PDB file of N, CA and C in Angstrom:
ATOM      1  N   MET A   1    -111.113  57.389  28.391  1.00  0.00           N
ATOM      2  CA  MET A   1    -110.518  58.424  29.218  1.00  0.00           C
ATOM      3  C   MET A   1    -111.289  58.594  30.525  1.00  0.00           C
ATOM      4  N   ASP A   2    -112.614  58.456  30.462  1.00  0.00           N
ATOM      5  CA  ASP A   2    -113.410  58.592  31.684  1.00  0.00           C
ATOM      6  C   ASP A   2    -113.029  57.536  32.714  1.00  0.00           C
ATOM      7  N   LEU A   3    -112.818  56.301  32.253  1.00  0.00           N
ATOM      8  CA  LEU A   3    -112.427  55.241  33.175  1.00  0.00           C
ATOM      9  C   LEU A   3    -111.054  55.550  33.775  1.00  0.00           C
ATOM     10  N   ALA A   4    -110.122  55.999  32.962  1.00  0.00           N
ATOM     11  CA  ALA A   4    -108.784  56.348  33.468  1.00  0.00           C
ATOM     12  C   ALA A   4    -108.874  57.430  34.542  1.00  0.00           C
ATOM     13  N   LYS A   5    -109.768  58.383  34.344  1.00  0.00           N
ATOM     14  CA  LYS A   5    -109.973  59.423  35.357  1.00  0.00           C
ATOM     15  C   LYS A   5    -110.588  58.834  36.619  1.00  0.00           C
ATOM     16  N   SER A   6    -111.602  57.989  36.446  1.00  0.00           N
ATOM     17  CA  SER A   6    -112.353  57.501  37.604  1.00  0.00           C
ATOM     18  C   SER A   6    -111.540  56.570  38.502  1.00  0.00           C
ATOM     19  N   VAL A   7    -110.563  55.873  37.946  1.00  0.00           N
ATOM     20  CA  VAL A   7    -109.743  54.977  38.772  1.00  0.00           C
ATOM     21  C   VAL A   7    -108.380  55.598  39.088  1.00  0.00           C
ATOM     22  N   ASN A   8    -108.257  56.901  38.820  1.00  0.00           N
ATOM     23  CA  ASN A   8    -107.113  57.712  39.248  1.00  0.00           C
ATOM     24  C   ASN A   8    -105.807  57.451  38.499  1.00  0.00           C
ATOM     25  N   CYS A   9    -105.880  56.917  37.284  1.00  0.00           N
ATOM     26  CA  CYS A   9    -104.664  56.718  36.481  1.00  0.00           C
ATOM     27  C   CYS A   9    -103.952  58.040  36.205  1.00  0.00           C
ATOM     28  N   LEU A  10    -104.758  59.106  36.076  1.00  0.00           N
ATOM     29  CA  LEU A  10    -104.197  60.397  35.680  1.00  0.00           C
ATOM     30  C   LEU A  10    -103.430  61.085  36.811  1.00  0.00           C
ATOM     31  N   ALA A  11    -103.421  60.481  37.979  1.00  0.00           N
ATOM     32  CA  ALA A  11    -102.580  61.007  39.052  1.00  0.00           C
ATOM     33  C   ALA A  11    -101.101  60.828  38.704  1.00  0.00           C
ATOM     34  N   CYS A  12    -100.789  59.790  37.943  1.00  0.00           N
ATOM     35  CA  CYS A  12     -99.393  59.498  37.584  1.00  0.00           C
ATOM     36  C   CYS A  12     -99.113  59.536  36.086  1.00  0.00           C
ATOM     37  N   HIS A  13    -100.140  59.409  35.268  1.00  0.00           N
ATOM     38  CA  HIS A  13     -99.965  59.335  33.817  1.00  0.00           C
ATOM     39  C   HIS A  13    -100.754  60.435  33.120  1.00  0.00           C
ATOM     40  N   GLN A  14    -100.262  60.822  31.946  1.00  0.00           N
ATOM     41  CA  GLN A  14    -100.994  61.689  31.032  1.00  0.00           C
ATOM     42  C   GLN A  14    -101.072  60.967  29.695  1.00  0.00           C
ATOM     43  N   VAL A  15    -101.926  61.442  28.819  1.00  0.00           N
ATOM     44  CA  VAL A  15    -102.024  60.802  27.505  1.00  0.00           C
ATOM     45  C   VAL A  15    -100.719  60.997  26.743  1.00  0.00           C
ATOM     46  N   ARG A  16    -100.222  62.226  26.679  1.00  0.00           N
ATOM     47  CA  ARG A  16     -99.017  62.503  25.889  1.00  0.00           C
ATOM     48  C   ARG A  16     -97.803  62.930  26.709  1.00  0.00           C
ATOM     49  N   GLY A  17     -97.991  63.680  27.738  1.00  0.00           N
ATOM     50  CA  GLY A  17     -96.852  64.190  28.499  1.00  0.00           C
ATOM     51  C   GLY A  17     -96.447  63.257  29.623  1.00  0.00           C
ATOM     52  N   ARG A  18     -95.188  63.360  30.028  1.00  0.00           N
ATOM     53  CA  ARG A  18     -94.705  62.525  31.130  1.00  0.00           C
ATOM     54  C   ARG A  18     -95.036  63.196  32.456  1.00  0.00           C
ATOM     55  N   ARG A  19     -95.509  62.410  33.368  1.00  0.00           N
ATOM     56  CA  ARG A  19     -95.764  62.863  34.735  1.00  0.00           C
ATOM     57  C   ARG A  19     -94.865  61.986  35.602  1.00  0.00           C
ATOM     58  N   VAL A  20     -95.377  61.243  36.532  1.00  0.00           N
ATOM     59  CA  VAL A  20     -94.586  60.282  37.303  1.00  0.00           C
ATOM     60  C   VAL A  20     -94.320  59.050  36.444  1.00  0.00           C
ATOM     61  N   GLY A  21     -95.376  58.581  35.785  1.00  0.00           N
ATOM     62  CA  GLY A  21     -95.270  57.420  34.909  1.00  0.00           C
ATOM     63  C   GLY A  21     -95.205  57.837  33.451  1.00  0.00           C
ATOM     64  N   PRO A  22     -94.977  56.880  32.575  1.00  0.00           N
ATOM     65  CA  PRO A  22     -94.858  57.196  31.151  1.00  0.00           C
ATOM     66  C   PRO A  22     -96.192  57.643  30.561  1.00  0.00           C
ATOM     67  N   PRO A  23     -96.138  58.425  29.480  1.00  0.00           N
ATOM     68  CA  PRO A  23     -97.381  58.804  28.802  1.00  0.00           C
ATOM     69  C   PRO A  23     -98.055  57.562  28.217  1.00  0.00           C
ATOM     70  N   PHE A  24     -99.362  57.565  28.207  1.00  0.00           N
ATOM     71  CA  PHE A  24    -100.096  56.436  27.637  1.00  0.00           C
ATOM     72  C   PHE A  24     -99.731  56.199  26.178  1.00  0.00           C
ATOM     73  N   VAL A  25     -99.469  57.274  25.432  1.00  0.00           N
ATOM     74  CA  VAL A  25     -99.096  57.120  24.022  1.00  0.00           C
ATOM     75  C   VAL A  25     -97.790  56.329  23.903  1.00  0.00           C
ATOM     76  N   ALA A  26     -96.822  56.596  24.760  1.00  0.00           N
ATOM     77  CA  ALA A  26     -95.549  55.872  24.722  1.00  0.00           C
ATOM     78  C   ALA A  26     -95.754  54.395  25.052  1.00  0.00           C
ATOM     79  N   VAL A  27     -96.607  54.106  26.015  1.00  0.00           N
ATOM     80  CA  VAL A  27     -96.917  52.716  26.356  1.00  0.00           C
ATOM     81  C   VAL A  27     -97.556  52.032  25.151  1.00  0.00           C
ATOM     82  N   ALA A  28     -98.519  52.702  24.543  1.00  0.00           N
ATOM     83  CA  ALA A  28     -99.210  52.144  23.376  1.00  0.00           C
ATOM     84  C   ALA A  28     -98.234  51.867  22.247  1.00  0.00           C
ATOM     85  N   GLN A  29     -97.334  52.793  21.989  1.00  0.00           N
ATOM     86  CA  GLN A  29     -96.385  52.617  20.892  1.00  0.00           C
ATOM     87  C   GLN A  29     -95.404  51.488  21.177  1.00  0.00           C
ATOM     88  N   ARG A  30     -95.015  51.314  22.417  1.00  0.00           N
ATOM     89  CA  ARG A  30     -94.092  50.226  22.759  1.00  0.00           C
ATOM     90  C   ARG A  30     -94.738  48.859  22.542  1.00  0.00           C
ATOM     91  N   PHE A  31     -96.014  48.746  22.844  1.00  0.00           N
ATOM     92  CA  PHE A  31     -96.673  47.444  22.796  1.00  0.00           C
ATOM     93  C   PHE A  31     -97.546  47.231  21.561  1.00  0.00           C
ATOM     94  N   ALA A  32     -97.617  48.209  20.677  1.00  0.00           N
ATOM     95  CA  ALA A  32     -98.476  48.117  19.489  1.00  0.00           C
ATOM     96  C   ALA A  32     -98.143  46.873  18.666  1.00  0.00           C
ATOM     97  N   GLY A  33     -99.180  46.142  18.314  1.00  0.00           N
ATOM     98  CA  GLY A  33     -99.026  44.983  17.444  1.00  0.00           C
ATOM     99  C   GLY A  33     -98.474  43.736  18.100  1.00  0.00           C
ATOM    100  N   GLN A  34     -98.164  43.785  19.370  1.00  0.00           N
ATOM    101  CA  GLN A  34     -97.627  42.608  20.045  1.00  0.00           C
ATOM    102  C   GLN A  34     -98.764  41.706  20.501  1.00  0.00           C
ATOM    103  N   PRO A  35     -98.677  40.421  20.197  1.00  0.00           N
ATOM    104  CA  PRO A  35     -99.709  39.502  20.673  1.00  0.00           C
ATOM    105  C   PRO A  35     -99.768  39.508  22.202  1.00  0.00           C
ATOM    106  N   GLY A  36    -100.957  39.520  22.732  1.00  0.00           N
ATOM    107  CA  GLY A  36    -101.131  39.481  24.182  1.00  0.00           C
ATOM    108  C   GLY A  36    -100.863  40.795  24.890  1.00  0.00           C
ATOM    109  N   ALA A  37    -100.683  41.876  24.137  1.00  0.00           N
ATOM    110  CA  ALA A  37    -100.344  43.163  24.758  1.00  0.00           C
ATOM    111  C   ALA A  37    -101.429  43.640  25.712  1.00  0.00           C
ATOM    112  N   ALA A  38    -102.688  43.516  25.323  1.00  0.00           N
ATOM    113  CA  ALA A  38    -103.775  43.986  26.193  1.00  0.00           C
ATOM    114  C   ALA A  38    -103.796  43.202  27.499  1.00  0.00           C
ATOM    115  N   ASP A  39    -103.606  41.897  27.415  1.00  0.00           N
ATOM    116  CA  ASP A  39    -103.589  41.079  28.626  1.00  0.00           C
ATOM    117  C   ASP A  39    -102.401  41.443  29.512  1.00  0.00           C
ATOM    118  N   TYR A  40    -101.239  41.651  28.895  1.00  0.00           N
ATOM    119  CA  TYR A  40    -100.045  42.021  29.655  1.00  0.00           C
ATOM    120  C   TYR A  40    -100.249  43.358  30.365  1.00  0.00           C
ATOM    121  N   LEU A  41    -100.763  44.339  29.640  1.00  0.00           N
ATOM    122  CA  LEU A  41    -100.978  45.657  30.250  1.00  0.00           C
ATOM    123  C   LEU A  41    -102.026  45.593  31.355  1.00  0.00           C
ATOM    124  N   ALA A  42    -103.092  44.840  31.129  1.00  0.00           N
ATOM    125  CA  ALA A  42    -104.123  44.701  32.159  1.00  0.00           C
ATOM    126  C   ALA A  42    -103.535  44.092  33.430  1.00  0.00           C
ATOM    127  N   GLN A  43    -102.695  43.094  33.251  1.00  0.00           N
ATOM    128  CA  GLN A  43    -102.053  42.464  34.406  1.00  0.00           C
ATOM    129  C   GLN A  43    -101.112  43.455  35.100  1.00  0.00           C
ATOM    130  N   SER A  44    -100.395  44.248  34.318  1.00  0.00           N
ATOM    131  CA  SER A  44     -99.486  45.245  34.895  1.00  0.00           C
ATOM    132  C   SER A  44    -100.245  46.315  35.672  1.00  0.00           C
ATOM    133  N   ILE A  45    -101.417  46.677  35.186  1.00  0.00           N
ATOM    134  CA  ILE A  45    -102.240  47.658  35.896  1.00  0.00           C
ATOM    135  C   ILE A  45    -102.630  47.112  37.263  1.00  0.00           C
ATOM    136  N   ARG A  46    -103.094  45.887  37.289  1.00  0.00           N
ATOM    137  CA  ARG A  46    -103.573  45.309  38.555  1.00  0.00           C
ATOM    138  C   ARG A  46    -102.445  44.912  39.501  1.00  0.00           C
ATOM    139  N   ASN A  47    -101.337  44.408  38.955  1.00  0.00           N
ATOM    140  CA  ASN A  47    -100.269  43.861  39.795  1.00  0.00           C
ATOM    141  C   ASN A  47     -99.071  44.781  39.965  1.00  0.00           C
ATOM    142  N   GLY A  48     -99.009  45.858  39.180  1.00  0.00           N
ATOM    143  CA  GLY A  48     -97.868  46.753  39.246  1.00  0.00           C
ATOM    144  C   GLY A  48     -96.679  46.209  38.474  1.00  0.00           C
ATOM    145  N   GLY A  49     -95.589  46.929  38.536  1.00  0.00           N
ATOM    146  CA  GLY A  49     -94.379  46.520  37.828  1.00  0.00           C
ATOM    147  C   GLY A  49     -93.246  47.470  38.146  1.00  0.00           C
ATOM    148  N   ARG A  50     -92.065  47.107  37.695  1.00  0.00           N
ATOM    149  CA  ARG A  50     -90.907  47.961  37.921  1.00  0.00           C
ATOM    150  C   ARG A  50     -89.858  47.707  36.852  1.00  0.00           C
ATOM    151  N   GLY A  51     -89.063  48.746  36.599  1.00  0.00           N
ATOM    152  CA  GLY A  51     -87.909  48.599  35.738  1.00  0.00           C
ATOM    153  C   GLY A  51     -88.113  48.815  34.252  1.00  0.00           C
ATOM    154  N   ARG A  52     -89.341  48.900  33.771  1.00  0.00           N
ATOM    155  CA  ARG A  52     -89.555  49.067  32.333  1.00  0.00           C
ATOM    156  C   ARG A  52     -89.522  50.526  31.902  1.00  0.00           C
ATOM    157  N   TRP A  53     -89.795  51.451  32.817  1.00  0.00           N
ATOM    158  CA  TRP A  53     -89.930  52.863  32.455  1.00  0.00           C
ATOM    159  C   TRP A  53     -89.106  53.769  33.347  1.00  0.00           C
ATOM    160  N   GLY A  54     -88.088  53.247  33.970  1.00  0.00           N
ATOM    161  CA  GLY A  54     -87.269  54.071  34.845  1.00  0.00           C
ATOM    162  C   GLY A  54     -87.322  53.579  36.279  1.00  0.00           C
ATOM    163  N   ALA A  55     -86.866  54.420  37.176  1.00  0.00           N
ATOM    164  CA  ALA A  55     -86.680  54.013  38.569  1.00  0.00           C
ATOM    165  C   ALA A  55     -87.968  53.924  39.377  1.00  0.00           C
ATOM    166  N   VAL A  56     -88.996  54.657  38.996  1.00  0.00           N
ATOM    167  CA  VAL A  56     -90.224  54.684  39.796  1.00  0.00           C
ATOM    168  C   VAL A  56     -91.100  53.491  39.423  1.00  0.00           C
ATOM    169  N   PRO A  57     -91.387  52.596  40.376  1.00  0.00           N
ATOM    170  CA  PRO A  57     -92.224  51.439  40.061  1.00  0.00           C
ATOM    171  C   PRO A  57     -93.694  51.824  39.908  1.00  0.00           C
ATOM    172  N   MET A  58     -94.400  51.029  39.139  1.00  0.00           N
ATOM    173  CA  MET A  58     -95.853  51.178  39.007  1.00  0.00           C
ATOM    174  C   MET A  58     -96.476  50.412  40.167  1.00  0.00           C
ATOM    175  N   PRO A  59     -97.174  51.089  41.069  1.00  0.00           N
ATOM    176  CA  PRO A  59     -97.793  50.371  42.182  1.00  0.00           C
ATOM    177  C   PRO A  59     -98.976  49.533  41.705  1.00  0.00           C
ATOM    178  N   ALA A  60     -99.211  48.438  42.377  1.00  0.00           N
ATOM    179  CA  ALA A  60    -100.372  47.598  42.075  1.00  0.00           C
ATOM    180  C   ALA A  60    -101.650  48.402  42.291  1.00  0.00           C
ATOM    181  N   GLN A  61    -102.644  48.116  41.487  1.00  0.00           N
ATOM    182  CA  GLN A  61    -103.940  48.797  41.570  1.00  0.00           C
ATOM    183  C   GLN A  61    -105.044  47.748  41.759  1.00  0.00           C
ATOM    184  N   PRO A  62    -105.068  47.064  42.902  1.00  0.00           N
ATOM    185  CA  PRO A  62    -106.031  45.982  43.101  1.00  0.00           C
ATOM    186  C   PRO A  62    -107.482  46.449  43.135  1.00  0.00           C
ATOM    187  N   GLN A  63    -107.713  47.746  43.353  1.00  0.00           N
ATOM    188  CA  GLN A  63    -109.078  48.264  43.352  1.00  0.00           C
ATOM    189  C   GLN A  63    -109.656  48.332  41.941  1.00  0.00           C
ATOM    190  N   VAL A  64    -108.805  48.219  40.924  1.00  0.00           N
ATOM    191  CA  VAL A  64    -109.249  48.192  39.531  1.00  0.00           C
ATOM    192  C   VAL A  64    -109.615  46.748  39.206  1.00  0.00           C
ATOM    193  N   SER A  65    -110.844  46.530  38.784  1.00  0.00           N
ATOM    194  CA  SER A  65    -111.282  45.166  38.472  1.00  0.00           C
ATOM    195  C   SER A  65    -110.554  44.645  37.238  1.00  0.00           C
ATOM    196  N   ALA A  66    -110.575  43.342  37.054  1.00  0.00           N
ATOM    197  CA  ALA A  66    -109.958  42.741  35.869  1.00  0.00           C
ATOM    198  C   ALA A  66    -110.592  43.291  34.597  1.00  0.00           C
ATOM    199  N   GLN A  67    -111.908  43.454  34.596  1.00  0.00           N
ATOM    200  CA  GLN A  67    -112.608  44.000  33.431  1.00  0.00           C
ATOM    201  C   GLN A  67    -112.183  45.447  33.169  1.00  0.00           C
ATOM    202  N   GLN A  68    -112.109  46.247  34.211  1.00  0.00           N
ATOM    203  CA  GLN A  68    -111.671  47.635  34.047  1.00  0.00           C
ATOM    204  C   GLN A  68    -110.234  47.698  33.532  1.00  0.00           C
ATOM    205  N   ALA A  69    -109.364  46.853  34.074  1.00  0.00           N
ATOM    206  CA  ALA A  69    -107.966  46.837  33.638  1.00  0.00           C
ATOM    207  C   ALA A  69    -107.873  46.484  32.160  1.00  0.00           C
ATOM    208  N   HIS A  70    -108.678  45.527  31.721  1.00  0.00           N
ATOM    209  CA  HIS A  70    -108.676  45.154  30.301  1.00  0.00           C
ATOM    210  C   HIS A  70    -109.192  46.310  29.443  1.00  0.00           C
ATOM    211  N   GLU A  71    -110.251  46.957  29.874  1.00  0.00           N
ATOM    212  CA  GLU A  71    -110.782  48.108  29.129  1.00  0.00           C
ATOM    213  C   GLU A  71    -109.742  49.226  29.046  1.00  0.00           C
ATOM    214  N   LEU A  72    -109.049  49.482  30.138  1.00  0.00           N
ATOM    215  CA  LEU A  72    -107.993  50.497  30.131  1.00  0.00           C
ATOM    216  C   LEU A  72    -106.874  50.114  29.166  1.00  0.00           C
ATOM    217  N   ALA A  73    -106.474  48.853  29.193  1.00  0.00           N
ATOM    218  CA  ALA A  73    -105.398  48.390  28.316  1.00  0.00           C
ATOM    219  C   ALA A  73    -105.775  48.543  26.847  1.00  0.00           C
ATOM    220  N   VAL A  74    -106.992  48.170  26.499  1.00  0.00           N
ATOM    221  CA  VAL A  74    -107.455  48.311  25.112  1.00  0.00           C
ATOM    222  C   VAL A  74    -107.469  49.783  24.717  1.00  0.00           C
ATOM    223  N   TRP A  75    -107.945  50.640  25.603  1.00  0.00           N
ATOM    224  CA  TRP A  75    -107.961  52.076  25.323  1.00  0.00           C
ATOM    225  C   TRP A  75    -106.540  52.615  25.149  1.00  0.00           C
ATOM    226  N   ILE A  76    -105.635  52.238  26.037  1.00  0.00           N
ATOM    227  CA  ILE A  76    -104.247  52.695  25.926  1.00  0.00           C
ATOM    228  C   ILE A  76    -103.654  52.270  24.586  1.00  0.00           C
ATOM    229  N   LEU A  77    -103.844  51.014  24.204  1.00  0.00           N
ATOM    230  CA  LEU A  77    -103.298  50.529  22.936  1.00  0.00           C
ATOM    231  C   LEU A  77    -103.890  51.256  21.736  1.00  0.00           C
ATOM    232  N   SER A  78    -105.107  51.750  21.874  1.00  0.00           N
ATOM    233  CA  SER A  78    -105.736  52.479  20.765  1.00  0.00           C
ATOM    234  C   SER A  78    -105.045  53.816  20.493  1.00  0.00           C
ATOM    235  N   LEU A  79    -104.199  54.253  21.401  1.00  0.00           N
ATOM    236  CA  LEU A  79    -103.510  55.539  21.270  1.00  0.00           C
ATOM    237  C   LEU A  79    -102.191  55.437  20.501  1.00  0.00           C
ATOM    238  N   ALA A  80    -101.848  54.267  20.014  1.00  0.00           N
ATOM    239  CA  ALA A  80    -100.527  54.028  19.420  1.00  0.00           C
ATOM    240  C   ALA A  80    -100.189  54.951  18.258  1.00  0.00           C
ATOM    241  N   LYS A  81    -101.170  55.401  17.516  1.00  0.00           N
ATOM    242  CA  LYS A  81    -100.882  56.226  16.335  1.00  0.00           C
ATOM    243  C   LYS A  81    -100.881  57.720  16.632  1.00  0.00           C
ATOM    244  N   GLN A  82    -101.109  58.082  17.880  1.00  0.00           N
ATOM    245  CA  GLN A  82    -101.087  59.504  18.238  1.00  0.00           C
ATOM    246  C   GLN A  82     -99.650  59.941  18.497  1.00  0.00           C
ATOM    247  N   PRO A  83     -99.317  61.180  18.155  1.00  0.00           N
ATOM    248  CA  PRO A  83     -97.952  61.661  18.407  1.00  0.00           C
ATOM    249  C   PRO A  83     -97.716  61.898  19.896  1.00  0.00           C
ATOM    250  N   GLU A  84     -96.473  61.707  20.304  1.00  0.00           N
ATOM    251  CA  GLU A  84     -96.093  62.017  21.685  1.00  0.00           C
ATOM    252  C   GLU A  84     -95.830  63.511  21.811  1.00  0.00           C
ATOM    253  N   ALA A  85     -95.984  64.022  22.996  1.00  0.00           N
ATOM    254  CA  ALA A  85     -95.630  65.425  23.263  1.00  0.00           C
ATOM    255  C   ALA A  85     -94.113  65.548  23.278  1.00  0.00           C
ATOM    256  N   ARG A  86     -93.627  66.708  22.990  1.00  0.00           N
ATOM    257  CA  ARG A  86     -92.166  66.909  23.008  1.00  0.00           C
ATOM    258  C   ARG A  86     -91.768  67.742  24.178  1.00  0.00           C
TER     259      ARG A  86
END
């Protein structure tokens, strides 16, 4: 969570509630158990994406290092068993 705060992920995401982007728990649940999920999420963090979570695209975050992106992805995936906010 500290890394997510320090690289400003929480400006658009929350752990459970929806902000601009999807909650981290929802991302974790969508990708839980999928081979290569951490690598895919890390790449999405650094390169951005669009169309998977609605109309607002995820902007690229090139200031986040590859190592940081991987650490964030692993942390996000660890949230898969937490309940989503309603």
